[in-house]
Amino acid sequence: MTGAALPDRLALLGSIERTTCDYCVLTPPEEIERGPVLDLLVEARGEREVAAIFTGASFRSLGRTDVARLFAGETAQGSLILAIRSEFLDRGIPYVREGFVMTRRRPAEKAPVPVPVPSDEDRLLMALGAWAREEGALCDPAARALAARGDLDRTYLEGHASEVGLGPVYAELRALASGGVERVPRALRARFRRRLVAHSGENASRLIRHAFSGRPRRGALVALLGPDGCGKSSTGRAAAAILGAVPGVRVRVAYLGPWGQIRLPTTRLCYKLGLVPEAIPWGRRLRARLLGRPETGDSLARCAWKAAKAEARGLVYYAAVWIELIFRYVRDVRPGLRRGGVVLAERYVYDLAFVHDSRAIEGYRVLRRLVCRLFPRPDLSILLDNEPEEIHRRKPQLEVEEIAHQRRAYREALAGLRHRVLKTERGLDAVAAEVAAAALDPERPLGSSVSI
């Protein structure tokens, strides 16, 4: 779709206004026009009609989380991830009644168009409920400000919370939020869920159906690759912030590079004992000596001895690296992929294919490729690319020639694997939005690669 044909997101919202279904924009009003995520609450009977409006604008379906249907597409204002939901659910049980929210809608004061948004009371209840249901979640600053306000309709708050069996729990959550507490205590989170289940027999049956309904979507592991200075860390953080705003998606950032953030004593022991790969390619020098073209003054026996020691060191070292990375994968990645979660990996095992600690490496080709082959593949690899001079300007850690070499080497390492190349000169926000959409749809047909 060309830039001139891109739909305007406010025009799309206007199309919903012209339907007969009730809807509400849950995204903060100031983010409606430019934000990367648009969260809509739609009455159940109108969900299909609203989805048809966006698919007609070339939005692609990303499947369904346990709380919303997801779509992604391009608009005149930039990439957009759309979430359409008809209920506020925790394990299949409603913690806020959508009918109450619909009846108290009001026009957005800060939005460029008067789209309907929830009342402040409902926004507080939704935020407190999301805070309680997500383990380890931090209290949103906007929710903390709402909780501290004294002008909210207390009668409505208590009545709506009691409607779902959470009256006392919501009162305690509001007190914690207004008091500056960042995380919900485990005991209160457990009481939140017990009250929901015990509120009615229908809730108990919903919980059982949810437990046996299967997972609505599979998780995805996305590896962010590129030379130092290409923006892996900043892009990962920005994309994680976008994905964190998508209802029903859990996101985690992990480091899966072979260099740094060592956790196991086996890898530390290798460094302590000097069992690290030889910088001098003694295998090549041994072959040169055998062919009668010696590269050093060492004898044949000495070259053979040094080559054998180098291979033994490499075998021990790369075995320790593989164990280290498998440990991180099991600990950091697998839990994050449950229930449709997304894991963004800064670096990946593929760095072993051509570098050692950010520097080009020549030896141990078979060992390094074996480690890469034995390690689980990501669902998608994203190569963050830019001109070598620009990458060097951002982070002058490597020479321009080395950066150019790594750009070529990354493409060779990713040949035959599912990957995409993203040019970073478009800016952090645009690249992060594209990474977030790709993480939700890693099996999307790949576009053409950018040539070097």
Protein backbone atom coordinates (compact mmCIF):
# COMPACT_ATOMS: atom_id res chain seq x y z
CA MET A 1 0.00 0.00 0.00
CA THR A 2 1.47 3.35 -0.95
CA GLY A 3 1.80 6.26 1.44
CA ALA A 4 -1.02 8.16 -0.32
CA ALA A 5 -3.39 5.23 0.17
CA LEU A 6 -2.73 4.78 3.87
CA PRO A 7 -5.90 5.16 5.95
CA ASP A 8 -6.27 7.84 8.58
CA ARG A 9 -6.86 6.30 12.01
CA LEU A 10 -9.30 9.04 13.01
CA ALA A 11 -11.28 8.31 9.85
CA LEU A 12 -11.36 4.64 10.87
CA LEU A 13 -12.75 5.62 14.26
CA GLY A 14 -15.31 7.74 12.44
CA SER A 15 -16.36 4.61 10.53
CA ILE A 16 -17.07 2.90 13.85
CA GLU A 17 -19.13 5.92 14.91
CA ARG A 18 -21.35 5.35 11.89
CA THR A 19 -22.17 1.77 12.92
CA THR A 20 -24.93 0.83 15.32
CA CYS A 21 -22.65 -0.83 17.89
CA ASP A 22 -21.48 0.79 21.09
CA TYR A 23 -17.74 1.16 21.55
CA CYS A 24 -15.25 2.91 23.79
CA VAL A 25 -11.59 3.89 23.26
CA LEU A 26 -9.51 2.65 26.19
CA THR A 27 -6.25 4.19 24.96
CA PRO A 28 -5.33 7.43 26.80
CA PRO A 29 -6.84 10.36 24.85
CA GLU A 30 -3.49 12.00 24.12
CA GLU A 31 -2.28 8.79 22.40
CA ILE A 32 -5.31 8.15 20.20
CA GLU A 33 -3.97 9.96 17.15
CA ARG A 34 -0.25 9.07 17.33
CA GLY A 35 0.20 6.18 19.77
CA PRO A 36 1.42 2.79 18.49
CA VAL A 37 -1.44 0.85 20.17
CA LEU A 38 -5.18 1.45 19.94
CA ASP A 39 -7.26 -0.42 22.53
CA LEU A 40 -11.01 -0.61 21.82
CA LEU A 41 -13.87 -1.93 23.92
CA VAL A 42 -16.72 -3.04 21.66
CA GLU A 43 -20.00 -4.64 22.59
CA ALA A 44 -19.96 -8.33 21.72
CA ARG A 45 -22.50 -8.13 18.91
CA GLY A 46 -20.47 -5.46 17.10
CA GLU A 47 -17.02 -7.04 17.39
CA ARG A 48 -17.17 -8.67 13.96
CA GLU A 49 -18.38 -5.48 12.29
CA VAL A 50 -15.59 -3.39 13.81
CA ALA A 51 -13.00 -6.00 12.84
CA ALA A 52 -14.30 -5.86 9.25
CA ILE A 53 -13.68 -2.10 9.14
CA PHE A 54 -10.00 -2.58 9.89
CA THR A 55 -9.48 -5.65 7.71
CA GLY A 56 -11.03 -3.61 4.90
CA ALA A 57 -8.26 -1.06 5.55
CA SER A 58 -5.64 -3.80 4.98
CA PHE A 59 -5.04 -4.55 8.63
CA ARG A 60 -3.86 -8.14 9.13
CA SER A 61 -5.10 -10.40 11.92
CA LEU A 62 -2.57 -11.34 14.62
CA GLY A 63 -4.83 -13.85 16.33
CA ARG A 64 -6.42 -13.59 19.76
CA THR A 65 -5.00 -13.26 23.25
CA ASP A 66 -7.04 -14.37 26.24
CA VAL A 67 -8.68 -10.92 26.36
CA ALA A 68 -8.64 -9.37 22.87
CA ARG A 69 -8.40 -9.86 19.10
CA LEU A 70 -5.28 -8.27 17.65
CA PHE A 71 -4.68 -6.61 14.28
CA ALA A 72 -1.76 -4.69 12.82
CA GLY A 73 -1.48 -2.30 9.91
CA GLU A 74 -0.16 0.97 8.58
CA THR A 75 -1.97 4.27 8.92
CA ALA A 76 -1.16 7.78 7.80
CA GLN A 77 0.08 8.42 11.35
CA GLY A 78 2.41 5.35 11.43
CA SER A 79 2.28 1.66 12.32
CA LEU A 80 -0.63 0.67 14.52
CA ILE A 81 -1.43 -2.38 16.65
CA LEU A 82 -5.17 -2.68 17.26
CA ALA A 83 -6.78 -4.59 20.13
CA ILE A 84 -10.52 -5.25 20.06
CA ARG A 85 -12.14 -6.65 23.20
CA SER A 86 -15.64 -7.00 24.54
CA GLU A 87 -14.87 -7.93 28.17
CA PHE A 88 -12.30 -7.33 30.91
CA LEU A 89 -11.24 -10.84 31.86
CA ASP A 90 -8.91 -12.59 34.26
CA ARG A 91 -8.68 -16.33 33.46
CA GLY A 92 -12.02 -16.02 31.70
CA ILE A 93 -13.75 -14.17 34.59
CA PRO A 94 -14.81 -10.50 34.27
CA TYR A 95 -13.24 -8.14 36.82
CA VAL A 96 -15.01 -5.06 35.38
CA ARG A 97 -18.49 -5.05 33.82
CA GLU A 98 -18.28 -3.70 30.28
CA GLY A 99 -21.95 -2.68 30.40
CA PHE A 100 -21.24 -0.28 33.24
CA VAL A 101 -18.35 1.24 31.29
CA MET A 102 -20.51 1.75 28.21
CA THR A 103 -23.24 3.56 30.12
CA ARG A 104 -20.82 6.09 31.60
CA ARG A 105 -18.82 6.91 28.47
CA ARG A 106 -17.94 10.53 27.79
CA PRO A 107 -16.28 12.42 24.91
CA ALA A 108 -12.49 12.57 25.15
CA GLU A 109 -11.40 16.05 26.20
CA LYS A 110 -7.79 15.82 24.97
CA ALA A 111 -8.45 13.82 21.83
CA PRO A 112 -8.46 15.51 18.39
CA VAL A 113 -11.96 14.09 17.80
CA PRO A 114 -14.71 13.56 20.40
CA VAL A 115 -14.45 9.75 20.53
CA PRO A 116 -16.06 8.05 23.55
CA VAL A 117 -13.67 7.18 26.40
CA PRO A 118 -14.33 5.65 29.85
CA SER A 119 -15.17 7.75 32.85
CA ASP A 120 -12.39 8.40 35.35
CA GLU A 121 -14.04 5.99 37.78
CA ASP A 122 -14.06 3.17 35.25
CA ARG A 123 -10.50 3.96 34.17
CA LEU A 124 -9.41 3.60 37.79
CA LEU A 125 -11.20 0.27 38.20
CA MET A 126 -9.70 -1.08 34.97
CA ALA A 127 -6.21 0.01 35.99
CA LEU A 128 -6.48 -1.48 39.48
CA GLY A 129 -7.82 -4.73 38.06
CA ALA A 130 -5.01 -4.99 35.51
CA TRP A 131 -2.49 -4.18 38.27
CA ALA A 132 -3.81 -6.99 40.46
CA ARG A 133 -4.05 -9.65 37.77
CA GLU A 134 -0.55 -9.24 36.31
CA GLU A 135 2.12 -10.76 38.52
CA GLY A 136 4.98 -8.35 39.12
CA ALA A 137 3.19 -5.45 37.39
CA LEU A 138 4.05 -1.93 38.50
CA CYS A 139 1.31 0.53 39.36
CA ASP A 140 0.69 2.88 36.45
CA PRO A 141 1.39 6.54 37.37
CA ALA A 142 -1.94 7.59 35.84
CA ALA A 143 -3.73 5.03 38.03
CA ARG A 144 -1.88 6.30 41.08
CA ALA A 145 -3.02 9.85 40.31
CA LEU A 146 -6.63 8.70 39.86
CA ALA A 147 -6.53 6.71 43.11
CA ALA A 148 -5.41 9.80 45.02
CA ARG A 149 -8.25 11.96 43.71
CA GLY A 150 -11.03 12.77 46.14
CA ASP A 151 -13.62 13.97 43.62
CA LEU A 152 -14.49 10.58 42.08
CA ASP A 153 -17.98 9.11 42.44
CA ARG A 154 -17.45 6.86 45.46
CA THR A 155 -20.94 5.37 45.31
CA TYR A 156 -20.41 4.25 41.72
CA LEU A 157 -16.95 2.90 42.47
CA GLU A 158 -18.19 0.78 45.36
CA GLY A 159 -21.27 -0.39 43.46
CA HIS A 160 -19.39 -1.39 40.31
CA ALA A 161 -16.66 -3.17 42.31
CA SER A 162 -19.24 -5.05 44.36
CA GLU A 163 -21.01 -6.10 41.14
CA VAL A 164 -18.07 -8.40 40.38
CA GLY A 165 -17.45 -9.35 44.02
CA LEU A 166 -14.39 -7.14 44.50
CA GLY A 167 -15.66 -4.32 46.71
CA PRO A 168 -13.22 -4.69 49.64
CA VAL A 169 -10.37 -5.78 47.36
CA TYR A 170 -10.68 -2.70 45.13
CA ALA A 171 -10.82 -0.45 48.19
CA GLU A 172 -7.54 -1.95 49.43
CA LEU A 173 -5.95 -1.71 45.97
CA ARG A 174 -6.91 1.96 45.74
CA ALA A 175 -5.39 2.65 49.15
CA LEU A 176 -2.14 0.96 48.13
CA ALA A 177 -2.00 2.84 44.81
CA SER A 178 -2.64 6.23 46.40
CA GLY A 179 0.00 5.41 49.03
CA GLY A 180 2.68 4.92 46.40
CA VAL A 181 2.97 1.11 46.58
CA GLU A 182 4.39 -0.19 43.30
CA ARG A 183 3.51 -3.91 43.40
CA VAL A 184 0.44 -5.73 44.66
CA PRO A 185 1.23 -8.00 47.64
CA ARG A 186 0.96 -11.68 46.78
CA ALA A 187 -1.71 -12.28 49.42
CA LEU A 188 -3.91 -9.52 48.01
CA ARG A 189 -3.48 -10.83 44.46
CA ALA A 190 -4.56 -14.28 45.66
CA ARG A 191 -7.59 -12.77 47.41
CA PHE A 192 -8.45 -10.87 44.21
CA ARG A 193 -8.67 -14.15 42.30
CA ARG A 194 -10.46 -16.07 45.05
CA ARG A 195 -13.15 -13.39 45.31
CA LEU A 196 -13.67 -13.48 41.55
CA VAL A 197 -14.09 -17.26 41.46
CA ALA A 198 -16.33 -17.38 44.55
CA HIS A 199 -18.59 -14.55 43.43
CA SER A 200 -20.93 -16.83 41.44
CA GLY A 201 -21.24 -20.33 40.11
CA GLU A 202 -20.97 -18.92 36.60
CA ASN A 203 -17.50 -17.58 37.44
CA ALA A 204 -16.38 -21.00 38.64
CA SER A 205 -17.61 -22.58 35.41
CA ARG A 206 -15.84 -19.85 33.39
CA LEU A 207 -12.59 -20.69 35.17
CA ILE A 208 -12.96 -24.39 34.33
CA ARG A 209 -13.74 -23.65 30.69
CA HIS A 210 -10.75 -21.31 30.49
CA ALA A 211 -8.43 -23.95 31.97
CA PHE A 212 -9.40 -26.49 29.29
CA SER A 213 -9.93 -24.16 26.34
CA GLY A 214 -6.32 -24.31 25.15
CA ARG A 215 -3.99 -21.44 24.52
CA PRO A 216 -5.39 -18.75 22.21
CA ARG A 217 -2.03 -17.99 20.58
CA ARG A 218 1.52 -19.25 20.82
CA GLY A 219 4.36 -17.18 22.16
CA ALA A 220 7.18 -15.80 20.05
CA LEU A 221 10.91 -15.37 20.52
CA VAL A 222 12.36 -12.51 18.48
CA ALA A 223 16.13 -11.99 18.27
CA LEU A 224 17.44 -8.46 17.73
CA LEU A 225 20.78 -8.58 15.94
CA GLY A 226 23.35 -6.17 14.60
CA PRO A 227 26.78 -4.65 15.30
CA ASP A 228 27.40 -2.64 18.46
CA GLY A 229 25.80 0.77 18.01
CA CYS A 230 22.90 -0.32 15.79
CA GLY A 231 20.36 0.22 18.61
CA LYS A 232 19.52 -3.28 19.87
CA SER A 233 19.04 -2.30 23.53
CA SER A 234 17.10 0.91 22.91
CA THR A 235 14.92 -0.77 20.28
CA GLY A 236 14.25 -3.71 22.58
CA ARG A 237 13.17 -1.45 25.44
CA ALA A 238 10.95 0.69 23.19
CA ALA A 239 9.33 -2.36 21.55
CA ALA A 240 8.74 -3.93 24.98
CA ALA A 241 6.96 -0.76 26.11
CA ILE A 242 4.68 -0.95 23.07
CA LEU A 243 3.94 -4.64 23.58
CA GLY A 244 3.28 -4.03 27.26
CA ALA A 245 0.39 -1.78 26.23
CA VAL A 246 -1.24 -4.56 24.17
CA PRO A 247 -3.92 -6.24 26.31
CA GLY A 248 -3.24 -9.89 27.02
CA VAL A 249 0.39 -9.84 25.84
CA ARG A 250 3.17 -10.50 28.33
CA VAL A 251 6.58 -9.32 27.22
CA ARG A 252 10.09 -9.93 28.50
CA VAL A 253 13.50 -8.72 27.34
CA ALA A 254 16.32 -11.27 27.64
CA TYR A 255 20.02 -11.24 26.81
CA LEU A 256 21.07 -14.29 24.78
CA GLY A 257 24.40 -13.14 23.46
CA PRO A 258 27.41 -15.39 24.12
CA TRP A 259 29.47 -12.53 25.60
CA GLY A 260 28.60 -10.85 28.88
CA GLN A 261 26.00 -11.34 31.63
CA ILE A 262 27.54 -14.71 32.57
CA ARG A 263 25.51 -16.61 35.15
CA LEU A 264 26.99 -20.10 35.47
CA PRO A 265 30.22 -20.94 37.33
CA THR A 266 31.28 -23.28 34.50
CA THR A 267 31.75 -20.34 32.12
CA ARG A 268 33.53 -18.25 34.76
CA LEU A 269 35.83 -21.18 35.48
CA CYS A 270 36.82 -21.35 31.81
CA TYR A 271 37.95 -17.74 31.91
CA LYS A 272 39.70 -18.22 35.26
CA LEU A 273 41.65 -21.24 34.01
CA GLY A 274 42.44 -19.66 30.66
CA LEU A 275 40.34 -22.19 28.73
CA VAL A 276 39.35 -19.68 26.08
CA PRO A 277 39.73 -19.84 22.29
CA GLU A 278 43.17 -19.11 20.93
CA ALA A 279 43.46 -15.82 19.09
CA ILE A 280 46.20 -17.36 16.91
CA PRO A 281 44.74 -19.80 14.33
CA TRP A 282 47.16 -22.66 15.01
CA GLY A 283 45.10 -25.07 12.95
CA ARG A 284 45.70 -22.93 9.88
CA ARG A 285 49.41 -22.65 10.69
CA LEU A 286 49.69 -26.40 11.05
CA ARG A 287 48.12 -26.88 7.61
CA ALA A 288 50.49 -24.29 6.15
CA ARG A 289 53.46 -26.15 7.66
CA LEU A 290 52.21 -29.46 6.21
CA LEU A 291 51.88 -27.85 2.77
CA GLY A 292 55.42 -26.55 2.95
CA ARG A 293 54.40 -22.89 3.30
CA PRO A 294 55.18 -22.21 6.99
CA GLU A 295 53.78 -19.02 8.55
CA THR A 296 56.00 -19.25 11.68
CA GLY A 297 59.37 -20.58 12.63
CA ASP A 298 57.84 -23.32 14.83
CA SER A 299 58.60 -26.91 13.95
CA LEU A 300 55.95 -29.31 12.68
CA ALA A 301 55.72 -31.04 16.06
CA ARG A 302 55.35 -27.75 17.91
CA CYS A 303 52.66 -26.52 15.50
CA ALA A 304 50.78 -29.81 15.94
CA TRP A 305 51.01 -29.57 19.74
CA LYS A 306 49.80 -25.97 19.81
CA ALA A 307 46.97 -26.78 17.38
CA ALA A 308 45.84 -29.71 19.55
CA LYS A 309 45.86 -27.55 22.69
CA ALA A 310 43.94 -24.81 20.90
CA GLU A 311 41.26 -27.24 19.72
CA ALA A 312 40.92 -28.71 23.22
CA ARG A 313 40.51 -25.25 24.72
CA GLY A 314 37.95 -24.34 22.09
CA LEU A 315 35.98 -27.54 22.69
CA VAL A 316 35.78 -26.91 26.45
CA TYR A 317 35.01 -23.23 26.03
CA TYR A 318 32.25 -23.56 23.42
CA ALA A 319 30.66 -26.43 25.35
CA ALA A 320 30.53 -24.12 28.40
CA VAL A 321 29.04 -21.33 26.27
CA TRP A 322 26.34 -23.68 24.95
CA ILE A 323 25.45 -24.77 28.50
CA GLU A 324 25.36 -21.12 29.60
CA LEU A 325 23.01 -20.12 26.78
CA ILE A 326 20.74 -23.15 27.27
CA PHE A 327 20.46 -22.21 30.96
CA ARG A 328 19.43 -18.67 30.06
CA TYR A 329 16.96 -19.97 27.47
CA VAL A 330 15.27 -22.29 29.96
CA ARG A 331 15.22 -19.66 32.69
CA ASP A 332 14.40 -16.49 30.75
CA VAL A 333 12.72 -17.53 27.51
CA ARG A 334 10.50 -20.53 28.15
CA PRO A 335 8.51 -18.94 31.01
CA GLY A 336 8.03 -15.82 28.90
CA LEU A 337 6.50 -17.77 26.01
CA ARG A 338 3.66 -19.17 28.07
CA ARG A 339 0.14 -17.96 27.36
CA GLY A 340 1.17 -16.17 24.20
CA GLY A 341 4.00 -14.12 25.69
CA VAL A 342 6.72 -12.40 23.66
CA VAL A 343 10.43 -12.54 24.45
CA LEU A 344 12.74 -9.99 22.82
CA ALA A 345 16.34 -11.22 22.84
CA GLU A 346 19.16 -8.69 22.70
CA ARG A 347 21.77 -10.53 20.64
CA TYR A 348 21.65 -14.26 20.02
CA VAL A 349 23.86 -17.30 19.67
CA TYR A 350 24.39 -16.38 16.01
CA ASP A 351 27.11 -13.96 17.13
CA LEU A 352 29.30 -17.04 17.53
CA ALA A 353 29.20 -17.64 13.80
CA PHE A 354 31.70 -14.89 13.02
CA VAL A 355 32.83 -12.88 16.06
CA HIS A 356 34.43 -13.40 19.44
CA ASP A 357 33.52 -10.65 21.87
CA SER A 358 32.64 -8.21 19.03
CA ARG A 359 35.81 -8.96 17.08
CA ALA A 360 36.17 -11.00 13.92
CA ILE A 361 37.31 -14.57 14.53
CA GLU A 362 38.76 -17.04 12.07
CA GLY A 363 39.25 -20.35 13.91
CA TYR A 364 36.91 -22.96 15.40
CA ARG A 365 34.48 -22.64 12.52
CA VAL A 366 33.03 -26.15 12.97
CA LEU A 367 32.62 -25.78 16.75
CA ARG A 368 30.98 -22.38 16.49
CA ARG A 369 28.54 -23.47 13.82
CA LEU A 370 27.72 -26.62 15.80
CA VAL A 371 26.78 -24.54 18.86
CA CYS A 372 24.55 -22.34 16.68
CA ARG A 373 22.87 -25.38 15.13
CA LEU A 374 22.25 -27.10 18.49
CA PHE A 375 20.67 -23.99 20.04
CA PRO A 376 16.88 -23.40 19.63
CA ARG A 377 16.03 -21.13 16.73
CA PRO A 378 14.06 -17.94 17.35
CA ASP A 379 10.69 -17.51 15.67
CA LEU A 380 12.09 -14.46 13.94
CA SER A 381 15.45 -12.71 13.73
CA ILE A 382 15.51 -8.96 13.07
CA LEU A 383 18.72 -7.42 11.77
CA LEU A 384 18.90 -3.73 12.67
CA ASP A 385 20.83 -2.16 9.84
CA ASN A 386 22.33 1.19 8.96
CA GLU A 387 25.35 2.53 7.13
CA PRO A 388 28.65 1.61 8.87
CA GLU A 389 29.62 5.28 9.23
CA GLU A 390 26.36 6.07 11.02
CA ILE A 391 26.68 3.08 13.36
CA HIS A 392 30.26 4.13 14.14
CA ARG A 393 29.11 7.68 14.85
CA ARG A 394 26.55 6.45 17.39
CA LYS A 395 28.97 4.09 19.14
CA PRO A 396 32.61 4.32 18.04
CA GLN A 397 33.55 1.01 19.63
CA LEU A 398 34.36 -0.73 16.34
CA GLU A 399 36.12 0.53 13.26
CA VAL A 400 34.02 1.22 10.17
CA GLU A 401 35.66 -1.69 8.33
CA GLU A 402 34.81 -4.10 11.15
CA ILE A 403 31.18 -2.90 11.20
CA ALA A 404 30.93 -3.45 7.44
CA HIS A 405 32.36 -6.95 7.89
CA GLN A 406 29.81 -7.76 10.60
CA ARG A 407 26.92 -6.51 8.48
CA ARG A 408 27.91 -8.94 5.75
CA ALA A 409 28.57 -11.73 8.24
CA TYR A 410 25.16 -11.32 9.92
CA ARG A 411 23.45 -11.77 6.58
CA GLU A 412 25.47 -14.88 5.87
CA ALA A 413 24.66 -16.28 9.32
CA LEU A 414 20.93 -15.61 8.81
CA ALA A 415 20.77 -17.03 5.29
CA GLY A 416 18.03 -19.65 5.15
CA LEU A 417 16.53 -18.55 8.51
CA ARG A 418 13.36 -16.54 9.06
CA HIS A 419 14.55 -12.98 9.37
CA ARG A 420 13.85 -9.38 8.44
CA VAL A 421 16.11 -6.40 7.89
CA LEU A 422 15.03 -3.06 9.36
CA LYS A 423 16.73 0.21 8.50
CA THR A 424 17.16 2.25 11.68
CA GLU A 425 17.41 5.68 10.05
CA ARG A 426 13.60 5.92 10.24
CA GLY A 427 13.90 6.68 13.94
CA LEU A 428 13.50 4.69 17.15
CA ASP A 429 9.70 5.01 17.42
CA ALA A 430 9.04 3.74 13.90
CA VAL A 431 11.51 0.85 14.19
CA ALA A 432 10.20 -0.17 17.64
CA ALA A 433 6.62 -0.19 16.34
CA GLU A 434 7.65 -2.42 13.44
CA VAL A 435 9.51 -4.77 15.79
CA ALA A 436 6.47 -4.97 18.08
CA ALA A 437 4.14 -5.79 15.18
CA ALA A 438 6.60 -8.38 13.86
CA ALA A 439 6.85 -9.99 17.31
CA LEU A 440 3.08 -10.48 17.35
CA ASP A 441 3.14 -11.86 13.80
CA PRO A 442 6.51 -13.61 13.35
CA GLU A 443 5.26 -15.88 10.56
CA ARG A 444 4.17 -13.01 8.32
CA PRO A 445 5.60 -13.45 4.79
CA LEU A 446 8.99 -11.81 4.61
CA GLY A 447 9.67 -8.79 2.46
CA SER A 448 12.71 -8.34 0.27
CA SER A 449 16.02 -7.90 2.02
CA VAL A 450 17.92 -4.65 1.85
CA SER A 451 21.13 -5.09 -0.09
CA ILE A 452 24.49 -4.06 1.27
